[in-house]
C-alpha atoms as a PDB file:
ATOM      1  CA  UNK A   1    -257.785  18.363 -43.656  1.00  0.00           C
ATOM      2  CA  UNK A   2    -256.334  20.953 -45.951  1.00  0.00           C
ATOM      3  CA  UNK A   3    -252.682  21.552 -46.634  1.00  0.00           C
ATOM      4  CA  UNK A   4    -252.695  24.748 -44.582  1.00  0.00           C
ATOM      5  CA  UNK A   5    -254.241  22.951 -41.604  1.00  0.00           C
ATOM      6  CA  UNK A   6    -251.616  20.189 -41.783  1.00  0.00           C
ATOM      7  CA  UNK A   7    -248.802  22.754 -41.895  1.00  0.00           C
ATOM      8  CA  UNK A   8    -250.264  24.565 -38.877  1.00  0.00           C
ATOM      9  CA  UNK A   9    -250.572  21.272 -36.950  1.00  0.00           C
ATOM     10  CA  UNK A  10    -246.973  20.437 -37.798  1.00  0.00           C
ATOM     11  CA  UNK A  11    -245.764  23.834 -36.566  1.00  0.00           C
ATOM     12  CA  UNK A  12    -247.774  23.539 -33.353  1.00  0.00           C
ATOM     13  CA  UNK A  13    -246.378  20.040 -32.607  1.00  0.00           C
ATOM     14  CA  UNK A  14    -242.823  21.278 -33.238  1.00  0.00           C
ATOM     15  CA  UNK A  15    -243.347  24.198 -30.858  1.00  0.00           C
ATOM     16  CA  UNK A  16    -244.736  21.879 -28.151  1.00  0.00           C
ATOM     17  CA  UNK A  17    -241.786  19.543 -28.566  1.00  0.00           C
ATOM     18  CA  UNK A  18    -239.306  22.440 -28.277  1.00  0.00           C
ATOM     19  CA  UNK A  19    -241.041  23.640 -25.094  1.00  0.00           C
ATOM     20  CA  UNK A  20    -240.833  20.168 -23.556  1.00  0.00           C
ATOM     21  CA  UNK A  21    -237.143  19.921 -24.405  1.00  0.00           C
ATOM     22  CA  UNK A  22    -236.447  23.392 -23.009  1.00  0.00           C
ATOM     23  CA  UNK A  23    -238.250  22.702 -19.726  1.00  0.00           C
ATOM     24  CA  UNK A  24    -236.774  19.236 -19.319  1.00  0.00           C
ATOM     25  CA  UNK A  25    -233.401  18.995 -17.587  1.00  0.00           C
ATOM     26  CA  UNK A  26    -230.440  18.559 -19.858  1.00  0.00           C
ATOM     27  CA  UNK A  27    -229.770  14.904 -20.514  1.00  0.00           C
ATOM     28  CA  UNK A  28    -226.953  13.592 -18.406  1.00  0.00           C
ATOM     29  CA  UNK A  29    -223.794  12.808 -20.220  1.00  0.00           C
ATOM     30  CA  UNK A  30    -223.185   9.156 -20.682  1.00  0.00           C
ATOM     31  CA  UNK A  31    -220.961   7.726 -18.054  1.00  0.00           C
ATOM     32  CA  UNK A  32    -218.114   5.642 -19.329  1.00  0.00           C
ATOM     33  CA  UNK A  33    -218.786   1.964 -18.773  1.00  0.00           C
ATOM     34  CA  UNK A  34    -217.607   0.866 -15.382  1.00  0.00           C
ATOM     35  CA  UNK A  35    -214.724  -1.509 -15.366  1.00  0.00           C
ATOM     36  CA  UNK A  36    -215.908  -4.878 -14.265  1.00  0.00           C
ATOM     37  CA  UNK A  37    -214.262  -6.227 -11.198  1.00  0.00           C
ATOM     38  CA  UNK A  38    -211.861  -9.039 -11.967  1.00  0.00           C
ATOM     39  CA  UNK A  39    -213.134 -12.414 -10.965  1.00  0.00           C
ATOM     40  CA  UNK A  40    -212.202 -13.378  -7.498  1.00  0.00           C
ATOM     41  CA  UNK A  41    -209.050 -15.412  -7.686  1.00  0.00           C
ATOM     42  CA  UNK A  42    -209.472 -18.999  -6.567  1.00  0.00           C
ATOM     43  CA  UNK A  43    -207.352 -19.435  -3.412  1.00  0.00           C
ATOM     44  CA  UNK A  44    -206.031 -22.788  -4.618  1.00  0.00           C
ATOM     45  CA  UNK A  45    -204.880 -21.259  -7.899  1.00  0.00           C
ATOM     46  CA  UNK A  46    -203.274 -18.373  -6.003  1.00  0.00           C
ATOM     47  CA  UNK A  47    -201.298 -20.920  -3.991  1.00  0.00           C
ATOM     48  CA  UNK A  48    -200.314 -23.044  -7.003  1.00  0.00           C
ATOM     49  CA  UNK A  49    -198.855 -20.169  -9.041  1.00  0.00           C
ATOM     50  CA  UNK A  50    -195.892 -19.527  -6.713  1.00  0.00           C
ATOM     51  CA  UNK A  51    -195.223 -23.271  -6.587  1.00  0.00           C
ATOM     52  CA  UNK A  52    -195.112 -23.392 -10.384  1.00  0.00           C
ATOM     53  CA  UNK A  53    -192.880 -20.321 -10.514  1.00  0.00           C
ATOM     54  CA  UNK A  54    -190.311 -21.520  -7.997  1.00  0.00           C
ATOM     55  CA  UNK A  55    -190.487 -25.286  -8.590  1.00  0.00           C
ATOM     56  CA  UNK A  56    -191.346 -25.745 -12.291  1.00  0.00           C
ATOM     57  CA  UNK A  57    -190.047 -29.326 -12.484  1.00  0.00           C
ATOM     58  CA  UNK A  58    -192.318 -30.537  -9.683  1.00  0.00           C
ATOM     59  CA  UNK A  59    -195.297 -28.314 -10.620  1.00  0.00           C
ATOM     60  CA  UNK A  60    -195.261 -28.069 -14.436  1.00  0.00           C
ATOM     61  CA  UNK A  61    -197.537 -25.629 -16.237  1.00  0.00           C
ATOM     62  CA  UNK A  62    -200.376 -27.090 -18.315  1.00  0.00           C
ATOM     63  CA  UNK A  63    -200.246 -28.646 -20.986  1.00  0.00           C
ATOM     64  CA  UNK A  64    -197.166 -30.417 -19.655  1.00  0.00           C
ATOM     65  CA  UNK A  65    -198.210 -33.564 -17.802  1.00  0.00           C
ATOM     66  CA  UNK A  66    -198.148 -33.508 -14.038  1.00  0.00           C
ATOM     67  CA  UNK A  67    -195.607 -35.695 -12.295  1.00  0.00           C
ATOM     68  CA  UNK A  68    -195.988 -37.840  -9.174  1.00  0.00           C
ATOM     69  CA  UNK A  69    -194.707 -35.862  -6.209  1.00  0.00           C
ATOM     70  CA  UNK A  70    -192.480 -37.150  -3.451  1.00  0.00           C
ATOM     71  CA  UNK A  71    -194.353 -38.398  -0.413  1.00  0.00           C
ATOM     72  CA  UNK A  72    -193.978 -35.691   2.217  1.00  0.00           C
ATOM     73  CA  UNK A  73    -193.578 -32.901  -0.343  1.00  0.00           C
ATOM     74  CA  UNK A  74    -195.639 -30.620   1.901  1.00  0.00           C
ATOM     75  CA  UNK A  75    -192.959 -30.690   4.615  1.00  0.00           C
ATOM     76  CA  UNK A  76    -190.288 -29.868   2.042  1.00  0.00           C
ATOM     77  CA  UNK A  77    -192.314 -26.989   0.586  1.00  0.00           C
ATOM     78  CA  UNK A  78    -193.175 -25.717   4.057  1.00  0.00           C
ATOM     79  CA  UNK A  79    -189.530 -24.731   4.484  1.00  0.00           C
ATOM     80  CA  UNK A  80    -189.913 -22.302   1.550  1.00  0.00           C
ATOM     81  CA  UNK A  81    -193.002 -20.368   2.725  1.00  0.00           C
ATOM     82  CA  UNK A  82    -191.162 -17.028   2.775  1.00  0.00           C
ATOM     83  CA  UNK A  83    -189.824 -17.576  -0.737  1.00  0.00           C
ATOM     84  CA  UNK A  84    -193.303 -18.557  -1.959  1.00  0.00           C
ATOM     85  CA  UNK A  85    -195.034 -15.676  -0.177  1.00  0.00           C
ATOM     86  CA  UNK A  86    -197.973 -17.791   0.993  1.00  0.00           C
ATOM     87  CA  UNK A  87    -199.211 -19.119   4.310  1.00  0.00           C
ATOM     88  CA  UNK A  88    -199.045 -22.678   5.541  1.00  0.00           C
ATOM     89  CA  UNK A  89    -202.805 -23.077   4.965  1.00  0.00           C
ATOM     90  CA  UNK A  90    -202.517 -21.757   1.419  1.00  0.00           C
ATOM     91  CA  UNK A  91    -199.659 -24.151   0.749  1.00  0.00           C
ATOM     92  CA  UNK A  92    -201.701 -27.058   2.066  1.00  0.00           C
ATOM     93  CA  UNK A  93    -204.654 -26.055  -0.129  1.00  0.00           C
ATOM     94  CA  UNK A  94    -202.452 -25.628  -3.186  1.00  0.00           C
ATOM     95  CA  UNK A  95    -200.710 -28.982  -2.870  1.00  0.00           C
ATOM     96  CA  UNK A  96    -203.908 -30.869  -2.037  1.00  0.00           C
ATOM     97  CA  UNK A  97    -205.635 -29.309  -5.050  1.00  0.00           C
ATOM     98  CA  UNK A  98    -202.631 -30.101  -7.262  1.00  0.00           C
ATOM     99  CA  UNK A  99    -202.673 -33.759  -6.234  1.00  0.00           C
ATOM    100  CA  UNK A 100    -206.347 -34.149  -7.068  1.00  0.00           C
ATOM    101  CA  UNK A 101    -207.719 -34.529 -10.539  1.00  0.00           C
ATOM    102  CA  UNK A 102    -207.297 -36.541 -13.670  1.00  0.00           C
ATOM    103  CA  UNK A 103    -204.024 -34.950 -14.799  1.00  0.00           C
ATOM    104  CA  UNK A 104    -202.297 -35.971 -11.581  1.00  0.00           C
ATOM    105  CA  UNK A 105    -203.928 -39.395 -11.316  1.00  0.00           C
ATOM    106  CA  UNK A 106    -202.897 -40.325 -14.854  1.00  0.00           C
ATOM    107  CA  UNK A 107    -199.295 -39.618 -13.886  1.00  0.00           C
ATOM    108  CA  UNK A 108    -199.541 -42.126 -11.035  1.00  0.00           C
ATOM    109  CA  UNK A 109    -198.522 -45.307 -12.843  1.00  0.00           C
ATOM    110  CA  UNK A 110    -196.672 -48.151 -11.201  1.00  0.00           C
ATOM    111  CA  UNK A 111    -192.902 -47.598 -10.894  1.00  0.00           C
ATOM    112  CA  UNK A 112    -193.121 -43.981 -12.122  1.00  0.00           C
ATOM    113  CA  UNK A 113    -190.518 -41.856 -10.330  1.00  0.00           C
ATOM    114  CA  UNK A 114    -191.767 -39.486  -7.663  1.00  0.00           C
ATOM    115  CA  UNK A 115    -190.048 -36.100  -7.803  1.00  0.00           C
ATOM    116  CA  UNK A 116    -188.948 -33.706  -5.093  1.00  0.00           C
ATOM    117  CA  UNK A 117    -189.226 -29.908  -5.378  1.00  0.00           C
ATOM    118  CA  UNK A 118    -186.102 -29.731  -7.537  1.00  0.00           C
ATOM    119  CA  UNK A 119    -187.310 -32.408  -9.942  1.00  0.00           C
ATOM    120  CA  UNK A 120    -184.969 -35.087  -8.590  1.00  0.00           C
ATOM    121  CA  UNK A 121    -186.274 -38.661  -8.187  1.00  0.00           C
ATOM    122  CA  UNK A 122    -187.328 -39.398  -4.604  1.00  0.00           C
ATOM    123  CA  UNK A 123    -189.095 -42.745  -4.639  1.00  0.00           C
ATOM    124  CA  UNK A 124    -191.465 -44.533  -7.000  1.00  0.00           C
ATOM    125  CA  UNK A 125    -195.196 -45.038  -7.296  1.00  0.00           C
ATOM    126  CA  UNK A 126    -196.211 -48.402  -5.828  1.00  0.00           C
ATOM    127  CA  UNK A 127    -198.738 -50.759  -7.387  1.00  0.00           C
ATOM    128  CA  UNK A 128    -201.251 -49.988  -4.615  1.00  0.00           C
ATOM    129  CA  UNK A 129    -200.870 -46.238  -5.195  1.00  0.00           C
ATOM    130  CA  UNK A 130    -201.343 -46.695  -8.939  1.00  0.00           C
ATOM    131  CA  UNK A 131    -204.524 -48.721  -8.370  1.00  0.00           C
ATOM    132  CA  UNK A 132    -205.814 -46.090  -5.944  1.00  0.00           C
ATOM    133  CA  UNK A 133    -205.172 -43.353  -8.523  1.00  0.00           C
ATOM    134  CA  UNK A 134    -207.079 -45.323 -11.201  1.00  0.00           C
ATOM    135  CA  UNK A 135    -210.024 -45.708  -8.835  1.00  0.00           C
ATOM    136  CA  UNK A 136    -209.985 -42.007  -8.012  1.00  0.00           C
ATOM    137  CA  UNK A 137    -209.954 -41.092 -11.704  1.00  0.00           C
ATOM    138  CA  UNK A 138    -212.829 -43.471 -12.442  1.00  0.00           C
ATOM    139  CA  UNK A 139    -214.809 -42.119  -9.512  1.00  0.00           C
ATOM    140  CA  UNK A 140    -214.325 -38.546 -10.714  1.00  0.00           C
ATOM    141  CA  UNK A 141    -215.397 -39.468 -14.263  1.00  0.00           C
ATOM    142  CA  UNK A 142    -218.544 -41.130 -12.896  1.00  0.00           C
ATOM    143  CA  UNK A 143    -219.375 -38.048 -10.817  1.00  0.00           C
ATOM    144  CA  UNK A 144    -218.927 -35.803 -13.844  1.00  0.00           C
ATOM    145  CA  UNK A 145    -221.187 -38.064 -15.926  1.00  0.00           C
ATOM    146  CA  UNK A 146    -223.868 -37.970 -13.223  1.00  0.00           C
ATOM    147  CA  UNK A 147    -223.680 -34.185 -13.047  1.00  0.00           C
ATOM    148  CA  UNK A 148    -224.009 -33.871 -16.826  1.00  0.00           C
ATOM    149  CA  UNK A 149    -226.954 -36.293 -16.839  1.00  0.00           C
ATOM    150  CA  UNK A 150    -228.670 -34.351 -14.049  1.00  0.00           C
ATOM    151  CA  UNK A 151    -228.108 -31.050 -15.822  1.00  0.00           C
ATOM    152  CA  UNK A 152    -229.464 -32.528 -19.033  1.00  0.00           C
ATOM    153  CA  UNK A 153    -232.517 -33.888 -17.213  1.00  0.00           C
ATOM    154  CA  UNK A 154    -233.158 -30.522 -15.571  1.00  0.00           C
ATOM    155  CA  UNK A 155    -233.028 -28.662 -18.881  1.00  0.00           C
ATOM    156  CA  UNK A 156    -235.289 -31.251 -20.515  1.00  0.00           C
ATOM    157  CA  UNK A 157    -237.812 -31.295 -17.646  1.00  0.00           C
ATOM    158  CA  UNK A 158    -239.275 -27.782 -18.226  1.00  0.00           C
ATOM    159  CA  UNK A 159    -239.771 -28.548 -21.920  1.00  0.00           C
ATOM    160  CA  UNK A 160    -241.548 -31.806 -21.092  1.00  0.00           C
ATOM    161  CA  UNK A 161    -243.777 -30.035 -18.565  1.00  0.00           C
ATOM    162  CA  UNK A 162    -244.702 -27.467 -21.200  1.00  0.00           C
ATOM    163  CA  UNK A 163    -245.599 -30.221 -23.653  1.00  0.00           C
ATOM    164  CA  UNK A 164    -247.635 -32.019 -20.993  1.00  0.00           C
ATOM    165  CA  UNK A 165    -249.630 -28.874 -20.297  1.00  0.00           C
ATOM    166  CA  UNK A 166    -250.407 -28.400 -23.992  1.00  0.00           C
ATOM    167  CA  UNK A 167    -251.633 -31.974 -24.557  1.00  0.00           C
ATOM    168  CA  UNK A 168    -254.702 -31.766 -22.224  1.00  0.00           C
ATOM    169  CA  UNK A 169    -255.675 -28.468 -23.825  1.00  0.00           C
ATOM    170  CA  UNK A 170    -255.491 -30.052 -27.270  1.00  0.00           C
ATOM    171  CA  UNK A 171    -257.556 -33.013 -26.063  1.00  0.00           C
ATOM    172  CA  UNK A 172    -260.196 -30.691 -24.582  1.00  0.00           C
ATOM    173  CA  UNK A 173    -260.353 -28.666 -27.775  1.00  0.00           C
ATOM    174  CA  UNK A 174    -260.827 -31.868 -29.764  1.00  0.00           C
ATOM    175  CA  UNK A 175    -263.827 -32.862 -27.683  1.00  0.00           C
END
């Protein structure tokens, strides 16, 4: 192809491209990225926040250690539902969630003072309650270990299946 032919081809391709762009609809302007919806707030967390705000000595904010709560704390807190701005069911969920977990169970040692909503001593943790808390903590750790082991096994299983599928093909190729 000569130089003149190449120049003519170039001009023709440019003209075709301009025609396509002229006949095509104008490109839409980019839309600004949509704001992602905030994660749905966990109802238990929504119930715990007002408790921490109004009763910080009984419901300390992490990283402060949790404290053993007075037996019957729910009935005491129930009297403050209007102040807290939550329902009875939300309060029950919040307190039950608060009293579950390693942070709370580690606070349940024998003779540790139990605190009321104002942070005043209102009883002590008994030996039986301390033993129960240790068992609960151990049970939760075991469940977490099992979950991690299962997750690890599930991620390893597809890789092993892939390797197993390759081995017969290698054996057949060797024959």
